[in-house]
Amino acid sequence: MTPLVSVLIPAFNAEGTIADTLRSAMAQTYRNLEIIVVDDGSRDDTASIVSRLETDDSRIRLVQQANSGVAAARNAALSASGGSLIAPLDADDLWHPQKIEMQVNSLGTSGDGSGLDYCWYVDIDERSTILSCNVNRFEGDVYEDLILANFIGNSSVPLIRRSILEAVDGWDASLRAANAQGCEDWLLYLKIAERSRVALTPAFLAGYRQLPHAMSRNVLQMSRSYRLTMAQARSSHPGIAKTLLDRSAMDFDMYISRMCWTSARPVAALWFMLRSMMRAPLNWRHAARVLRELAQHPVARRRKAFSSDTTPTRGTIHGLAFNLLPPDAQCDLCQIHPTNTRSGAS
């Protein structure tokens, strides 16, 4: 018997994207789904759009609540759901039609010891054109790897066993109370990795939309969220090596600097680059890496949105429309890029 998969979609003022997101869930080749949309106090037409689609597909259910934040919205969707497998999906992201089918198979073959399966994903623009790829190969016991970076990437990627999600009490809503939303997913993945193994479906199955107003673009809020997430990790595991935490902080600063470059905030980007170097001023290898990256800005590495008539570069999938992406696509550029490809851990 195929297990029921609950798709959880928190939505806040998502009228521009929610229909496409829902259609990507409705189009899954794995049919035993329920799709729970929590309208988190939207002030636009999000709820009415979902209601119209609800009449076309009985698997869709709309829940409405006062604005409480993304973690509380996901937890509300979890409470309203009944599946043994949980698939979070943000209201502006997209799935490949085979995503759930492939991940259900992966979790089934990885055994009960694996509580989460993740896949590769691509960044997409407002036209759903592929900007870049994200490839990682960690599997198994990945807690320390997750301290270094959230290699799972975003909330639309994993398929999670309900039992492990309930064991960690779902998503932590306290970050919003501290004005520190942004790392709820990372914190959840760390808690899951404390208790179970992580499996990988090595295929591009999710499109992570990059929009200028997205919560992850609020760099000060994201920085606060990161600090609180790492503080919880240190509290749970006081034996974590300081060198591991220091490297994580350096890499997070570089992540924030890249976010600033791509959103045309060069002063902030330079500040985060400098802070990354100053965390380990005698680490000349890291300093050289930062300076090499700086030398490539603002032209060579600055991400731009592709126009709708962009032709993909030979050997890559950049510039391809997401709906044309085969799950077994190969991207020569990203799959050999040292910041995107990691060795497996078991």
Protein backbone atom coordinates (compact mmCIF):
# COMPACT_ATOMS: atom_id res chain seq x y z
CA MET A 1 0.00 0.00 0.00
CA THR A 2 1.39 3.40 -0.92
CA PRO A 3 1.74 5.75 2.07
CA LEU A 4 -0.21 8.99 2.18
CA VAL A 5 2.04 12.01 1.63
CA SER A 6 0.91 15.30 3.16
CA VAL A 7 2.04 18.38 1.24
CA LEU A 8 2.24 21.38 3.59
CA ILE A 9 2.13 24.85 2.00
CA PRO A 10 2.29 27.98 4.19
CA ALA A 11 1.15 31.02 2.21
CA PHE A 12 1.29 34.73 2.98
CA ASN A 13 0.37 37.26 0.27
CA ALA A 14 1.27 34.66 -2.36
CA GLU A 15 -1.31 35.51 -5.05
CA GLY A 16 1.39 35.86 -7.72
CA THR A 17 2.80 32.34 -7.31
CA ILE A 18 0.44 30.10 -5.34
CA ALA A 19 -1.46 28.79 -8.40
CA ASP A 20 1.71 27.58 -10.16
CA THR A 21 2.99 26.10 -6.91
CA LEU A 22 -0.24 24.20 -6.33
CA ARG A 23 -0.34 22.96 -9.91
CA SER A 24 3.17 21.54 -9.50
CA ALA A 25 1.93 19.60 -6.47
CA MET A 26 -1.27 18.51 -8.23
CA ALA A 27 0.78 17.24 -11.21
CA GLN A 28 2.81 14.76 -9.14
CA THR A 29 3.01 11.26 -10.61
CA TYR A 30 2.64 10.00 -7.04
CA ARG A 31 -1.12 10.34 -6.60
CA ASN A 32 -1.71 9.46 -2.93
CA LEU A 33 -1.41 13.03 -1.71
CA GLU A 34 -3.26 15.49 0.43
CA ILE A 35 -2.36 19.16 -0.07
CA ILE A 36 -2.84 21.41 2.97
CA VAL A 37 -2.54 25.17 2.33
CA VAL A 38 -2.40 27.42 5.39
CA ASP A 39 -3.24 31.01 4.51
CA ASP A 40 -1.26 32.86 7.17
CA GLY A 41 -3.33 36.04 7.31
CA SER A 42 -2.86 37.10 3.68
CA ARG A 43 -4.21 40.49 2.65
CA ASP A 44 -4.39 39.63 -1.06
CA ASP A 45 -6.28 37.04 -3.14
CA THR A 46 -4.27 34.02 -1.97
CA ALA A 47 -7.24 32.34 -0.25
CA SER A 48 -9.63 32.84 -3.17
CA ILE A 49 -7.10 31.42 -5.65
CA VAL A 50 -6.62 28.33 -3.46
CA SER A 51 -10.40 27.97 -3.06
CA ARG A 52 -10.89 27.94 -6.83
CA LEU A 53 -8.28 25.22 -7.27
CA GLU A 54 -9.80 23.32 -4.33
CA THR A 55 -12.95 22.82 -6.40
CA ASP A 56 -10.85 21.20 -9.15
CA ASP A 57 -8.91 18.81 -6.90
CA SER A 58 -10.43 17.27 -3.78
CA ARG A 59 -6.95 16.63 -2.37
CA ILE A 60 -6.52 20.37 -1.67
CA ARG A 61 -7.65 21.76 1.66
CA LEU A 62 -7.45 25.42 2.72
CA VAL A 63 -6.86 26.41 6.36
CA GLN A 64 -6.94 30.10 7.33
CA GLN A 65 -5.41 31.70 10.40
CA ALA A 66 -4.25 35.08 11.68
CA ASN A 67 -0.71 35.92 10.67
CA SER A 68 1.59 33.87 12.92
CA GLY A 69 4.74 33.32 10.86
CA VAL A 70 6.02 30.58 8.60
CA ALA A 71 6.91 28.07 11.36
CA ALA A 72 3.47 28.35 13.01
CA ALA A 73 1.81 28.03 9.59
CA ARG A 74 3.73 24.85 8.81
CA ASN A 75 2.87 23.43 12.23
CA ALA A 76 -0.81 24.25 11.65
CA ALA A 77 -0.65 22.41 8.33
CA LEU A 78 1.04 19.46 10.05
CA SER A 79 -1.73 19.33 12.68
CA ALA A 80 -4.37 19.34 9.93
CA SER A 81 -2.68 16.57 7.96
CA GLY A 82 -2.76 12.80 8.26
CA GLY A 83 0.06 11.47 6.09
CA SER A 84 2.89 9.29 7.36
CA LEU A 85 5.26 11.23 5.08
CA ILE A 86 5.46 15.03 5.06
CA ALA A 87 6.48 17.16 2.08
CA PRO A 88 6.81 20.88 2.85
CA LEU A 89 6.47 23.24 -0.11
CA ASP A 90 6.81 27.02 -0.06
CA ALA A 91 4.11 29.02 -1.84
CA ASP A 92 6.47 30.38 -4.51
CA ASP A 93 8.47 27.23 -5.31
CA LEU A 94 7.94 24.47 -7.89
CA TRP A 95 8.31 20.69 -8.01
CA HIS A 96 9.24 18.38 -10.82
CA PRO A 97 6.31 15.96 -11.48
CA GLN A 98 8.36 12.96 -10.30
CA LYS A 99 9.66 14.51 -7.08
CA ILE A 100 7.45 12.77 -4.55
CA GLU A 101 7.48 9.43 -6.38
CA MET A 102 11.27 9.35 -6.48
CA GLN A 103 11.68 10.42 -2.86
CA VAL A 104 9.11 7.95 -1.54
CA ASN A 105 11.08 5.21 -3.30
CA SER A 106 14.34 6.53 -1.87
CA LEU A 107 13.05 6.59 1.71
CA GLY A 108 11.56 3.14 1.22
CA THR A 109 14.90 1.65 0.23
CA SER A 110 16.96 3.56 2.81
CA GLY A 111 15.23 1.91 5.78
CA ASP A 112 13.51 3.17 8.91
CA GLY A 113 16.78 4.65 10.17
CA SER A 114 16.49 7.47 7.64
CA GLY A 115 14.05 10.15 8.71
CA LEU A 116 14.53 12.59 5.85
CA ASP A 117 15.28 12.43 2.14
CA TYR A 118 16.49 15.45 0.20
CA CYS A 119 17.04 16.09 -3.48
CA TRP A 120 19.01 18.54 -5.58
CA TYR A 121 17.36 21.81 -6.55
CA VAL A 122 17.76 24.75 -8.91
CA ASP A 123 17.32 28.45 -8.26
CA ILE A 124 14.67 29.99 -10.50
CA ASP A 125 13.64 33.56 -11.25
CA GLU A 126 10.20 35.12 -11.37
CA ARG A 127 9.67 33.59 -14.84
CA SER A 128 10.62 30.10 -13.56
CA THR A 129 13.86 30.18 -15.57
CA ILE A 130 16.82 28.33 -14.05
CA LEU A 131 19.53 30.61 -12.65
CA SER A 132 21.85 28.08 -11.02
CA CYS A 133 22.02 24.54 -9.62
CA ASN A 134 22.67 23.23 -6.14
CA VAL A 135 24.34 19.83 -5.82
CA ASN A 136 25.40 18.12 -2.59
CA ARG A 137 26.17 14.48 -1.85
CA PHE A 138 25.97 14.14 1.93
CA GLU A 139 24.15 11.07 3.23
CA GLY A 140 23.92 9.13 6.45
CA ASP A 141 25.08 10.73 9.69
CA VAL A 142 25.27 14.37 8.61
CA TYR A 143 24.96 16.40 11.82
CA GLU A 144 28.40 17.99 11.64
CA ASP A 145 28.00 18.61 7.91
CA LEU A 146 24.76 20.47 8.69
CA ILE A 147 26.55 22.60 11.26
CA LEU A 148 28.85 23.78 8.48
CA ALA A 149 26.03 24.64 6.09
CA ASN A 150 22.38 23.97 5.38
CA PHE A 151 23.20 21.78 2.40
CA ILE A 152 19.57 20.60 2.17
CA GLY A 153 19.00 24.13 1.00
CA ASN A 154 15.37 25.13 1.51
CA SER A 155 12.01 23.94 2.78
CA SER A 156 10.66 22.68 -0.56
CA VAL A 157 13.33 19.99 -0.93
CA PRO A 158 12.86 17.33 1.80
CA LEU A 159 10.46 14.46 2.31
CA ILE A 160 10.23 13.76 6.05
CA ARG A 161 8.83 10.88 8.07
CA ARG A 162 5.98 12.16 10.24
CA SER A 163 7.28 10.20 13.25
CA ILE A 164 10.61 12.06 13.30
CA LEU A 165 8.95 15.42 12.64
CA GLU A 166 6.61 14.96 15.59
CA ALA A 167 9.51 13.71 17.74
CA VAL A 168 11.24 17.10 17.33
CA ASP A 169 7.95 19.04 17.81
CA GLY A 170 7.87 20.36 14.25
CA TRP A 171 9.17 23.78 13.29
CA ASP A 172 10.39 26.18 16.01
CA ALA A 173 8.11 29.23 16.11
CA SER A 174 10.23 31.00 18.74
CA LEU A 175 12.53 32.49 16.11
CA ARG A 176 9.73 34.77 14.90
CA ALA A 177 9.15 36.00 18.46
CA ALA A 178 12.83 36.99 18.53
CA ASN A 179 12.50 38.81 15.17
CA ALA A 180 14.79 36.14 13.76
CA GLN A 181 12.87 34.26 11.09
CA GLY A 182 14.85 32.63 8.31
CA CYS A 183 16.66 29.57 9.68
CA GLU A 184 13.64 27.56 10.86
CA ASP A 185 14.35 24.88 8.28
CA TRP A 186 18.05 24.64 9.17
CA LEU A 187 17.20 24.29 12.85
CA LEU A 188 14.67 21.56 12.04
CA TYR A 189 17.17 19.62 9.91
CA LEU A 190 19.75 19.76 12.71
CA LYS A 191 17.21 18.33 15.16
CA ILE A 192 16.30 15.57 12.72
CA ALA A 193 19.97 14.76 12.04
CA GLU A 194 20.49 14.31 15.81
CA ARG A 195 18.01 11.44 15.74
CA SER A 196 18.20 9.82 12.32
CA ARG A 197 20.12 9.34 9.12
CA VAL A 198 19.55 11.42 5.99
CA ALA A 199 19.02 9.96 2.51
CA LEU A 200 19.62 11.56 -0.89
CA THR A 201 17.70 11.44 -4.17
CA PRO A 202 20.38 12.70 -6.61
CA ALA A 203 18.14 14.50 -9.09
CA PHE A 204 17.02 18.09 -9.71
CA LEU A 205 13.44 17.94 -8.44
CA ALA A 206 12.70 21.36 -6.90
CA GLY A 207 12.76 24.93 -8.14
CA TYR A 208 13.65 27.48 -5.42
CA ARG A 209 12.36 30.88 -6.47
CA GLN A 210 14.59 33.89 -5.93
CA LEU A 211 12.53 37.02 -5.32
CA PRO A 212 13.79 40.36 -3.95
CA HIS A 213 11.11 40.52 -1.21
CA ALA A 214 11.70 36.97 0.07
CA MET A 215 12.28 36.57 3.80
CA SER A 216 15.75 35.13 3.18
CA ARG A 217 16.78 38.48 1.62
CA ASN A 218 16.49 40.23 5.00
CA VAL A 219 20.14 39.77 5.86
CA LEU A 220 20.03 41.23 9.38
CA GLN A 221 17.08 39.02 10.32
CA MET A 222 18.79 36.01 8.73
CA SER A 223 21.96 36.75 10.70
CA ARG A 224 20.02 36.86 13.97
CA SER A 225 18.29 33.63 13.00
CA TYR A 226 21.64 31.97 12.27
CA ARG A 227 23.08 33.02 15.64
CA LEU A 228 20.10 31.62 17.54
CA THR A 229 20.19 28.38 15.53
CA MET A 230 23.86 27.83 16.29
CA ALA A 231 23.29 28.75 19.95
CA GLN A 232 20.70 25.95 20.16
CA ALA A 233 23.16 23.55 18.50
CA ARG A 234 25.89 24.47 21.01
CA SER A 235 23.45 24.04 23.89
CA SER A 236 22.41 20.59 22.66
CA HIS A 237 25.98 19.54 21.83
CA PRO A 238 28.46 21.41 24.04
CA GLY A 239 31.23 19.19 22.69
CA ILE A 240 30.99 20.59 19.14
CA ALA A 241 34.46 21.65 18.05
CA LYS A 242 34.99 25.41 18.07
CA THR A 243 36.81 25.11 14.75
CA LEU A 244 33.65 23.64 13.20
CA LEU A 245 31.51 26.50 14.52
CA ASP A 246 34.06 29.09 13.41
CA ARG A 247 34.13 27.69 9.91
CA SER A 248 30.34 27.64 9.82
CA ALA A 249 30.22 31.33 10.79
CA MET A 250 32.80 32.24 8.15
CA ASP A 251 30.88 30.39 5.46
CA PHE A 252 27.57 31.90 6.57
CA ASP A 253 29.01 35.41 6.28
CA MET A 254 30.11 34.58 2.73
CA TYR A 255 26.62 33.26 1.95
CA ILE A 256 25.11 36.54 3.18
CA SER A 257 27.66 38.54 1.19
CA ARG A 258 26.64 36.73 -2.01
CA MET A 259 23.00 37.48 -1.23
CA CYS A 260 23.91 41.14 -0.91
CA TRP A 261 25.81 41.13 -4.21
CA THR A 262 22.88 39.60 -6.06
CA SER A 263 20.46 42.17 -4.59
CA ALA A 264 22.71 45.14 -5.50
CA ARG A 265 23.94 45.95 -1.97
CA PRO A 266 27.70 46.11 -2.50
CA VAL A 267 28.53 47.94 0.75
CA ALA A 268 26.78 45.29 2.83
CA ALA A 269 28.40 42.55 0.72
CA LEU A 270 31.86 43.97 1.41
CA TRP A 271 31.09 44.26 5.13
CA PHE A 272 30.10 40.59 5.41
CA MET A 273 33.17 39.55 3.40
CA LEU A 274 35.38 41.52 5.78
CA ARG A 275 33.68 40.02 8.81
CA SER A 276 34.20 36.55 7.38
CA MET A 277 37.94 37.21 7.09
CA MET A 278 38.17 38.80 10.55
CA ARG A 279 36.68 35.73 12.21
CA ALA A 280 40.00 33.99 11.44
CA PRO A 281 42.51 36.73 10.56
CA LEU A 282 45.42 34.28 10.43
CA ASN A 283 43.66 31.87 8.10
CA TRP A 284 45.41 32.93 4.90
CA ARG A 285 43.74 30.25 2.81
CA HIS A 286 40.29 31.60 3.69
CA ALA A 287 41.43 35.18 3.15
CA ALA A 288 42.71 34.26 -0.31
CA ARG A 289 39.37 32.62 -1.15
CA VAL A 290 37.48 35.74 -0.06
CA LEU A 291 39.76 38.00 -2.08
CA ARG A 292 39.45 35.80 -5.17
CA GLU A 293 35.69 36.01 -4.87
CA LEU A 294 35.83 39.76 -4.36
CA ALA A 295 37.90 40.15 -7.52
CA GLN A 296 35.07 38.59 -9.53
CA HIS A 297 32.45 41.10 -8.36
CA PRO A 298 30.33 42.86 -9.39
CA VAL A 299 30.37 41.54 -12.96
CA ALA A 300 31.54 37.94 -13.20
CA ARG A 301 29.71 36.37 -10.26
CA ARG A 302 26.71 38.68 -9.98
CA ARG A 303 23.57 36.67 -10.62
CA LYS A 304 21.18 38.09 -13.19
CA ALA A 305 17.72 37.04 -14.17
CA PHE A 306 17.57 35.41 -17.57
CA SER A 307 15.12 36.85 -20.05
CA SER A 308 12.41 34.54 -21.33
CA ASP A 309 14.25 34.04 -24.61
CA THR A 310 17.59 33.12 -23.04
CA THR A 311 19.25 30.12 -24.70
CA PRO A 312 20.85 27.69 -22.22
CA THR A 313 24.63 27.50 -22.35
CA ARG A 314 25.95 24.27 -23.81
CA GLY A 315 26.70 21.76 -21.06
CA THR A 316 24.58 23.53 -18.43
CA ILE A 317 20.90 23.83 -17.59
CA HIS A 318 21.16 27.52 -16.74
CA GLY A 319 18.61 29.48 -18.75
CA LEU A 320 16.30 26.49 -19.21
CA ALA A 321 12.64 26.81 -18.23
CA PHE A 322 12.00 24.75 -15.09
CA ASN A 323 9.14 22.83 -16.69
CA LEU A 324 11.57 21.55 -19.32
CA LEU A 325 14.04 20.22 -16.76
CA PRO A 326 14.48 16.42 -16.80
CA PRO A 327 15.18 14.98 -13.32
CA ASP A 328 18.38 13.30 -14.54
CA ALA A 329 19.74 16.54 -16.03
CA GLN A 330 23.48 17.09 -15.90
CA CYS A 331 25.03 20.52 -15.40
CA ASP A 332 28.74 20.47 -16.15
CA LEU A 333 29.24 23.91 -14.62
CA CYS A 334 27.62 23.29 -11.24
CA GLN A 335 28.39 19.61 -10.72
CA ILE A 336 32.12 20.30 -10.82
CA HIS A 337 31.92 23.58 -8.87
CA PRO A 338 33.77 23.13 -5.55
CA THR A 339 31.22 25.15 -3.54
CA ASN A 340 28.32 23.06 -4.77
CA THR A 341 29.69 19.52 -4.90
CA ARG A 342 30.50 17.77 -1.62
CA SER A 343 31.78 14.32 -0.84
CA GLY A 344 29.34 11.88 0.69
CA ALA A 345 29.33 11.28 4.43
CA SER A 346 28.01 8.11 5.95
